[in-house]
Amino acid sequence: MNRRDFVLLLTGALLATLLIARVRPRRIGFFCTVSADCLEPQLTVFRQALNETGYAQGRNLAIEYDFADGHYTRLRY
């Protein structure tokens, strides 16, 4: 393998890595000590604001919810 082939291979690998990293969805963790029912209006506004900035759950965004329903020990993280 000569130098030109090596540089082309390296450049291709770098571009592929950047494209894969860009396609992978962003992740948001939402942890709260109350129930989901208490926060539903706020969560709706939160999702709408994310949509306005170009993020949509399932397309380029993953939101992980964890509600403790008043019990801190129920939080997974």
PDB file of N, CA and C in Angstrom:
ATOM      1  N   MET A   1       0.852  -1.162   0.000  1.00  0.00           N
ATOM      2  CA  MET A   1       0.000   0.000   0.000  1.00  0.00           C
ATOM      3  C   MET A   1       0.903   1.232   0.000  1.00  0.00           C
ATOM      4  N   ASN A   2       0.661   2.091  -0.948  1.00  0.00           N
ATOM      5  CA  ASN A   2       1.479   3.303  -0.998  1.00  0.00           C
ATOM      6  C   ASN A   2       0.839   4.418  -0.163  1.00  0.00           C
ATOM      7  N   ARG A   3       1.517   5.518  -0.084  1.00  0.00           N
ATOM      8  CA  ARG A   3       1.079   6.628   0.751  1.00  0.00           C
ATOM      9  C   ARG A   3      -0.265   7.187   0.302  1.00  0.00           C
ATOM     10  N   ARG A   4      -0.494   7.309  -0.995  1.00  0.00           N
ATOM     11  CA  ARG A   4      -1.748   7.868  -1.520  1.00  0.00           C
ATOM     12  C   ARG A   4      -2.931   6.972  -1.131  1.00  0.00           C
ATOM     13  N   ASP A   5      -2.800   5.669  -1.253  1.00  0.00           N
ATOM     14  CA  ASP A   5      -3.871   4.752  -0.867  1.00  0.00           C
ATOM     15  C   ASP A   5      -4.159   4.837   0.630  1.00  0.00           C
ATOM     16  N   PHE A   6      -3.093   4.946   1.408  1.00  0.00           N
ATOM     17  CA  PHE A   6      -3.266   5.059   2.854  1.00  0.00           C
ATOM     18  C   PHE A   6      -4.021   6.330   3.231  1.00  0.00           C
ATOM     19  N   VAL A   7      -3.669   7.451   2.625  1.00  0.00           N
ATOM     20  CA  VAL A   7      -4.341   8.724   2.918  1.00  0.00           C
ATOM     21  C   VAL A   7      -5.804   8.654   2.495  1.00  0.00           C
ATOM     22  N   LEU A   8      -6.100   8.060   1.347  1.00  0.00           N
ATOM     23  CA  LEU A   8      -7.489   7.909   0.907  1.00  0.00           C
ATOM     24  C   LEU A   8      -8.278   7.024   1.867  1.00  0.00           C
ATOM     25  N   LEU A   9      -7.688   5.947   2.307  1.00  0.00           N
ATOM     26  CA  LEU A   9      -8.347   5.057   3.246  1.00  0.00           C
ATOM     27  C   LEU A   9      -8.617   5.759   4.571  1.00  0.00           C
ATOM     28  N   LEU A  10      -7.638   6.481   5.061  1.00  0.00           N
ATOM     29  CA  LEU A  10      -7.785   7.215   6.309  1.00  0.00           C
ATOM     30  C   LEU A  10      -8.860   8.294   6.201  1.00  0.00           C
ATOM     31  N   THR A  11      -8.876   9.030   5.102  1.00  0.00           N
ATOM     32  CA  THR A  11      -9.878  10.068   4.888  1.00  0.00           C
ATOM     33  C   THR A  11     -11.273   9.463   4.804  1.00  0.00           C
ATOM     34  N   GLY A  12     -11.421   8.358   4.106  1.00  0.00           N
ATOM     35  CA  GLY A  12     -12.718   7.687   4.015  1.00  0.00           C
ATOM     36  C   GLY A  12     -13.204   7.198   5.360  1.00  0.00           C
ATOM     37  N   ALA A  13     -12.317   6.657   6.159  1.00  0.00           N
ATOM     38  CA  ALA A  13     -12.691   6.185   7.487  1.00  0.00           C
ATOM     39  C   ALA A  13     -13.127   7.343   8.379  1.00  0.00           C
ATOM     40  N   LEU A  14     -12.444   8.454   8.286  1.00  0.00           N
ATOM     41  CA  LEU A  14     -12.800   9.634   9.068  1.00  0.00           C
ATOM     42  C   LEU A  14     -14.176  10.162   8.661  1.00  0.00           C
ATOM     43  N   LEU A  15     -14.435  10.259   7.378  1.00  0.00           N
ATOM     44  CA  LEU A  15     -15.742  10.728   6.903  1.00  0.00           C
ATOM     45  C   LEU A  15     -16.858   9.777   7.321  1.00  0.00           C
ATOM     46  N   ALA A  16     -16.617   8.494   7.224  1.00  0.00           N
ATOM     47  CA  ALA A  16     -17.625   7.520   7.640  1.00  0.00           C
ATOM     48  C   ALA A  16     -17.926   7.654   9.133  1.00  0.00           C
ATOM     49  N   THR A  17     -16.898   7.846   9.936  1.00  0.00           N
ATOM     50  CA  THR A  17     -17.086   8.020  11.377  1.00  0.00           C
ATOM     51  C   THR A  17     -17.903   9.264  11.674  1.00  0.00           C
ATOM     52  N   LEU A  18     -17.628  10.365  10.995  1.00  0.00           N
ATOM     53  CA  LEU A  18     -18.375  11.605  11.201  1.00  0.00           C
ATOM     54  C   LEU A  18     -19.831  11.451  10.783  1.00  0.00           C
ATOM     55  N   LEU A  19     -20.085  10.778   9.697  1.00  0.00           N
ATOM     56  CA  LEU A  19     -21.459  10.568   9.246  1.00  0.00           C
ATOM     57  C   LEU A  19     -22.238   9.693  10.213  1.00  0.00           C
ATOM     58  N   ILE A  20     -21.618   8.653  10.719  1.00  0.00           N
ATOM     59  CA  ILE A  20     -22.289   7.778  11.676  1.00  0.00           C
ATOM     60  C   ILE A  20     -22.597   8.537  12.959  1.00  0.00           C
ATOM     61  N   ALA A  21     -21.668   9.340  13.423  1.00  0.00           N
ATOM     62  CA  ALA A  21     -21.877  10.112  14.645  1.00  0.00           C
ATOM     63  C   ALA A  21     -22.995  11.131  14.466  1.00  0.00           C
ATOM     64  N   ARG A  22     -23.148  11.649  13.278  1.00  0.00           N
ATOM     65  CA  ARG A  22     -24.182  12.649  13.023  1.00  0.00           C
ATOM     66  C   ARG A  22     -25.565  12.013  12.913  1.00  0.00           C
ATOM     67  N   VAL A  23     -25.644  10.789  12.434  1.00  0.00           N
ATOM     68  CA  VAL A  23     -26.910  10.106  12.249  1.00  0.00           C
ATOM     69  C   VAL A  23     -27.466   9.593  13.573  1.00  0.00           C
ATOM     70  N   ARG A  24     -26.594   9.257  14.496  1.00  0.00           N
ATOM     71  CA  ARG A  24     -27.021   8.715  15.781  1.00  0.00           C
ATOM     72  C   ARG A  24     -27.877   9.746  16.524  1.00  0.00           C
ATOM     73  N   PRO A  25     -29.019   9.339  17.059  1.00  0.00           N
ATOM     74  CA  PRO A  25     -29.899  10.308  17.736  1.00  0.00           C
ATOM     75  C   PRO A  25     -29.307  10.800  19.053  1.00  0.00           C
ATOM     76  N   ARG A  26     -29.651  12.011  19.395  1.00  0.00           N
ATOM     77  CA  ARG A  26     -29.273  12.585  20.690  1.00  0.00           C
ATOM     78  C   ARG A  26     -30.149  11.949  21.755  1.00  0.00           C
ATOM     79  N   ARG A  27     -29.637  11.874  22.974  1.00  0.00           N
ATOM     80  CA  ARG A  27     -30.383  11.280  24.077  1.00  0.00           C
ATOM     81  C   ARG A  27     -30.536  12.288  25.200  1.00  0.00           C
ATOM     82  N   ILE A  28     -31.742  12.342  25.751  1.00  0.00           N
ATOM     83  CA  ILE A  28     -32.040  13.195  26.896  1.00  0.00           C
ATOM     84  C   ILE A  28     -32.610  12.302  27.988  1.00  0.00           C
ATOM     85  N   GLY A  29     -32.118  12.454  29.191  1.00  0.00           N
ATOM     86  CA  GLY A  29     -32.667  11.744  30.342  1.00  0.00           C
ATOM     87  C   GLY A  29     -33.517  12.701  31.146  1.00  0.00           C
ATOM     88  N   PHE A  30     -34.759  12.331  31.407  1.00  0.00           N
ATOM     89  CA  PHE A  30     -35.682  13.178  32.173  1.00  0.00           C
ATOM     90  C   PHE A  30     -36.052  12.433  33.443  1.00  0.00           C
ATOM     91  N   PHE A  31     -35.556  12.898  34.582  1.00  0.00           N
ATOM     92  CA  PHE A  31     -35.779  12.241  35.866  1.00  0.00           C
ATOM     93  C   PHE A  31     -36.567  13.179  36.766  1.00  0.00           C
ATOM     94  N   CYS A  32     -37.613  12.663  37.361  1.00  0.00           N
ATOM     95  CA  CYS A  32     -38.448  13.509  38.211  1.00  0.00           C
ATOM     96  C   CYS A  32     -39.000  12.691  39.368  1.00  0.00           C
ATOM     97  N   THR A  33     -39.187  13.341  40.514  1.00  0.00           N
ATOM     98  CA  THR A  33     -39.662  12.636  41.694  1.00  0.00           C
ATOM     99  C   THR A  33     -41.176  12.565  41.763  1.00  0.00           C
ATOM    100  N   VAL A  34     -41.893  13.278  40.919  1.00  0.00           N
ATOM    101  CA  VAL A  34     -43.357  13.217  40.914  1.00  0.00           C
ATOM    102  C   VAL A  34     -43.822  12.295  39.803  1.00  0.00           C
ATOM    103  N   SER A  35     -45.125  12.140  39.677  1.00  0.00           N
ATOM    104  CA  SER A  35     -45.663  11.249  38.644  1.00  0.00           C
ATOM    105  C   SER A  35     -45.713  11.947  37.295  1.00  0.00           C
ATOM    106  N   ALA A  36     -45.842  11.167  36.249  1.00  0.00           N
ATOM    107  CA  ALA A  36     -45.906  11.700  34.885  1.00  0.00           C
ATOM    108  C   ALA A  36     -47.167  12.522  34.685  1.00  0.00           C
ATOM    109  N   ASP A  37     -48.259  12.157  35.354  1.00  0.00           N
ATOM    110  CA  ASP A  37     -49.519  12.885  35.196  1.00  0.00           C
ATOM    111  C   ASP A  37     -49.397  14.338  35.661  1.00  0.00           C
ATOM    112  N   CYS A  38     -48.604  14.577  36.694  1.00  0.00           N
ATOM    113  CA  CYS A  38     -48.430  15.938  37.217  1.00  0.00           C
ATOM    114  C   CYS A  38     -47.714  16.852  36.224  1.00  0.00           C
ATOM    115  N   LEU A  39     -46.855  16.282  35.421  1.00  0.00           N
ATOM    116  CA  LEU A  39     -46.020  17.086  34.533  1.00  0.00           C
ATOM    117  C   LEU A  39     -46.427  17.029  33.063  1.00  0.00           C
ATOM    118  N   GLU A  40     -47.528  16.409  32.743  1.00  0.00           N
ATOM    119  CA  GLU A  40     -47.895  16.242  31.338  1.00  0.00           C
ATOM    120  C   GLU A  40     -47.998  17.565  30.572  1.00  0.00           C
ATOM    121  N   PRO A  41     -48.605  18.630  31.129  1.00  0.00           N
ATOM    122  CA  PRO A  41     -48.633  19.906  30.381  1.00  0.00           C
ATOM    123  C   PRO A  41     -47.231  20.463  30.110  1.00  0.00           C
ATOM    124  N   GLN A  42     -46.345  20.371  31.096  1.00  0.00           N
ATOM    125  CA  GLN A  42     -44.985  20.863  30.923  1.00  0.00           C
ATOM    126  C   GLN A  42     -44.217  20.008  29.912  1.00  0.00           C
ATOM    127  N   LEU A  43     -44.426  18.701  29.944  1.00  0.00           N
ATOM    128  CA  LEU A  43     -43.744  17.819  28.995  1.00  0.00           C
ATOM    129  C   LEU A  43     -44.214  18.070  27.568  1.00  0.00           C
ATOM    130  N   THR A  44     -45.490  18.390  27.405  1.00  0.00           N
ATOM    131  CA  THR A  44     -46.009  18.710  26.080  1.00  0.00           C
ATOM    132  C   THR A  44     -45.338  19.962  25.535  1.00  0.00           C
ATOM    133  N   VAL A  45     -45.214  20.986  26.357  1.00  0.00           N
ATOM    134  CA  VAL A  45     -44.545  22.222  25.940  1.00  0.00           C
ATOM    135  C   VAL A  45     -43.068  21.954  25.654  1.00  0.00           C
ATOM    136  N   PHE A  46     -42.441  21.133  26.466  1.00  0.00           N
ATOM    137  CA  PHE A  46     -41.036  20.773  26.275  1.00  0.00           C
ATOM    138  C   PHE A  46     -40.827  20.094  24.920  1.00  0.00           C
ATOM    139  N   ARG A  47     -41.695  19.124  24.595  1.00  0.00           N
ATOM    140  CA  ARG A  47     -41.591  18.431  23.302  1.00  0.00           C
ATOM    141  C   ARG A  47     -41.844  19.380  22.133  1.00  0.00           C
ATOM    142  N   GLN A  48     -42.805  20.297  22.281  1.00  0.00           N
ATOM    143  CA  GLN A  48     -43.084  21.271  21.221  1.00  0.00           C
ATOM    144  C   GLN A  48     -41.886  22.180  20.986  1.00  0.00           C
ATOM    145  N   ALA A  49     -41.243  22.607  22.064  1.00  0.00           N
ATOM    146  CA  ALA A  49     -40.061  23.466  21.933  1.00  0.00           C
ATOM    147  C   ALA A  49     -38.926  22.715  21.244  1.00  0.00           C
ATOM    148  N   LEU A  50     -38.755  21.445  21.565  1.00  0.00           N
ATOM    149  CA  LEU A  50     -37.737  20.647  20.884  1.00  0.00           C
ATOM    150  C   LEU A  50     -38.052  20.518  19.400  1.00  0.00           C
ATOM    151  N   ASN A  51     -39.330  20.301  19.062  1.00  0.00           N
ATOM    152  CA  ASN A  51     -39.725  20.204  17.651  1.00  0.00           C
ATOM    153  C   ASN A  51     -39.441  21.498  16.903  1.00  0.00           C
ATOM    154  N   GLU A  52     -39.651  22.629  17.549  1.00  0.00           N
ATOM    155  CA  GLU A  52     -39.397  23.928  16.908  1.00  0.00           C
ATOM    156  C   GLU A  52     -37.912  24.145  16.628  1.00  0.00           C
ATOM    157  N   THR A  53     -37.060  23.508  17.404  1.00  0.00           N
ATOM    158  CA  THR A  53     -35.614  23.646  17.184  1.00  0.00           C
ATOM    159  C   THR A  53     -35.058  22.559  16.283  1.00  0.00           C
ATOM    160  N   GLY A  54     -35.961  21.695  15.756  1.00  0.00           N
ATOM    161  CA  GLY A  54     -35.519  20.695  14.796  1.00  0.00           C
ATOM    162  C   GLY A  54     -35.315  19.298  15.354  1.00  0.00           C
ATOM    163  N   TYR A  55     -35.656  19.082  16.621  1.00  0.00           N
ATOM    164  CA  TYR A  55     -35.507  17.761  17.222  1.00  0.00           C
ATOM    165  C   TYR A  55     -36.880  17.119  17.382  1.00  0.00           C
ATOM    166  N   ALA A  56     -36.985  15.864  17.007  1.00  0.00           N
ATOM    167  CA  ALA A  56     -38.241  15.135  17.137  1.00  0.00           C
ATOM    168  C   ALA A  56     -37.955  13.749  17.705  1.00  0.00           C
ATOM    169  N   GLN A  57     -38.732  13.395  18.706  1.00  0.00           N
ATOM    170  CA  GLN A  57     -38.534  12.087  19.333  1.00  0.00           C
ATOM    171  C   GLN A  57     -38.806  10.990  18.313  1.00  0.00           C
ATOM    172  N   GLY A  58     -37.879  10.057  18.238  1.00  0.00           N
ATOM    173  CA  GLY A  58     -37.997   8.967  17.292  1.00  0.00           C
ATOM    174  C   GLY A  58     -37.288   9.232  15.972  1.00  0.00           C
ATOM    175  N   ARG A  59     -37.063  10.491  15.641  1.00  0.00           N
ATOM    176  CA  ARG A  59     -36.359  10.821  14.404  1.00  0.00           C
ATOM    177  C   ARG A  59     -34.887  11.085  14.666  1.00  0.00           C
ATOM    178  N   ASN A  60     -34.574  12.075  15.470  1.00  0.00           N
ATOM    179  CA  ASN A  60     -33.186  12.391  15.788  1.00  0.00           C
ATOM    180  C   ASN A  60     -32.981  12.645  17.285  1.00  0.00           C
ATOM    181  N   LEU A  61     -33.948  12.169  18.085  1.00  0.00           N
ATOM    182  CA  LEU A  61     -33.897  12.414  19.517  1.00  0.00           C
ATOM    183  C   LEU A  61     -34.524  11.231  20.256  1.00  0.00           C
ATOM    184  N   ALA A  62     -33.897  10.831  21.345  1.00  0.00           N
ATOM    185  CA  ALA A  62     -34.452   9.800  22.219  1.00  0.00           C
ATOM    186  C   ALA A  62     -34.542  10.383  23.624  1.00  0.00           C
ATOM    187  N   ILE A  63     -35.742  10.362  24.187  1.00  0.00           N
ATOM    188  CA  ILE A  63     -35.948  10.868  25.539  1.00  0.00           C
ATOM    189  C   ILE A  63     -36.269   9.684  26.436  1.00  0.00           C
ATOM    190  N   GLU A  64     -35.503   9.539  27.505  1.00  0.00           N
ATOM    191  CA  GLU A  64     -35.732   8.480  28.476  1.00  0.00           C
ATOM    192  C   GLU A  64     -36.335   9.103  29.729  1.00  0.00           C
ATOM    193  N   TYR A  65     -37.540   8.683  30.051  1.00  0.00           N
ATOM    194  CA  TYR A  65     -38.259   9.214  31.196  1.00  0.00           C
ATOM    195  C   TYR A  65     -38.121   8.270  32.379  1.00  0.00           C
ATOM    196  N   ASP A  66     -38.040   8.851  33.571  1.00  0.00           N
ATOM    197  CA  ASP A  66     -38.023   8.076  34.800  1.00  0.00           C
ATOM    198  C   ASP A  66     -38.734   8.900  35.873  1.00  0.00           C
ATOM    199  N   PHE A  67     -39.887   8.411  36.314  1.00  0.00           N
ATOM    200  CA  PHE A  67     -40.681   9.100  37.321  1.00  0.00           C
ATOM    201  C   PHE A  67     -40.697   8.272  38.594  1.00  0.00           C
ATOM    202  N   ALA A  68     -40.513   8.921  39.738  1.00  0.00           N
ATOM    203  CA  ALA A  68     -40.420   8.218  41.013  1.00  0.00           C
ATOM    204  C   ALA A  68     -41.724   8.210  41.801  1.00  0.00           C
ATOM    205  N   ASP A  69     -42.720   8.943  41.357  1.00  0.00           N
ATOM    206  CA  ASP A  69     -44.022   9.001  42.047  1.00  0.00           C
ATOM    207  C   ASP A  69     -43.875   9.323  43.535  1.00  0.00           C
ATOM    208  N   GLY A  70     -42.981  10.231  43.844  1.00  0.00           N
ATOM    209  CA  GLY A  70     -42.783  10.653  45.225  1.00  0.00           C
ATOM    210  C   GLY A  70     -41.805   9.819  46.028  1.00  0.00           C
ATOM    211  N   HIS A  71     -41.222   8.801  45.429  1.00  0.00           N
ATOM    212  CA  HIS A  71     -40.268   7.924  46.128  1.00  0.00           C
ATOM    213  C   HIS A  71     -38.911   8.008  45.439  1.00  0.00           C
ATOM    214  N   TYR A  72     -37.953   8.664  46.091  1.00  0.00           N
ATOM    215  CA  TYR A  72     -36.637   8.864  45.483  1.00  0.00           C
ATOM    216  C   TYR A  72     -35.941   7.551  45.147  1.00  0.00           C
ATOM    217  N   THR A  73     -36.198   6.522  45.915  1.00  0.00           N
ATOM    218  CA  THR A  73     -35.512   5.255  45.694  1.00  0.00           C
ATOM    219  C   THR A  73     -35.950   4.558  44.405  1.00  0.00           C
ATOM    220  N   ARG A  74     -37.037   4.996  43.815  1.00  0.00           N
ATOM    221  CA  ARG A  74     -37.503   4.404  42.558  1.00  0.00           C
ATOM    222  C   ARG A  74     -36.750   4.900  41.341  1.00  0.00           C
ATOM    223  N   LEU A  75     -36.016   5.986  41.475  1.00  0.00           N
ATOM    224  CA  LEU A  75     -35.247   6.501  40.342  1.00  0.00           C
ATOM    225  C   LEU A  75     -34.152   5.519  39.992  1.00  0.00           C
ATOM    226  N   ARG A  76     -34.016   5.226  38.721  1.00  0.00           N
ATOM    227  CA  ARG A  76     -33.029   4.233  38.291  1.00  0.00           C
ATOM    228  C   ARG A  76     -31.604   4.759  38.350  1.00  0.00           C
ATOM    229  N   TYR A  77     -31.410   6.054  38.200  1.00  0.00           N
ATOM    230  CA  TYR A  77     -30.045   6.582  38.075  1.00  0.00           C
ATOM    231  C   TYR A  77     -29.678   7.422  39.263  1.00  0.00           C
TER     232      TYR A  77
END
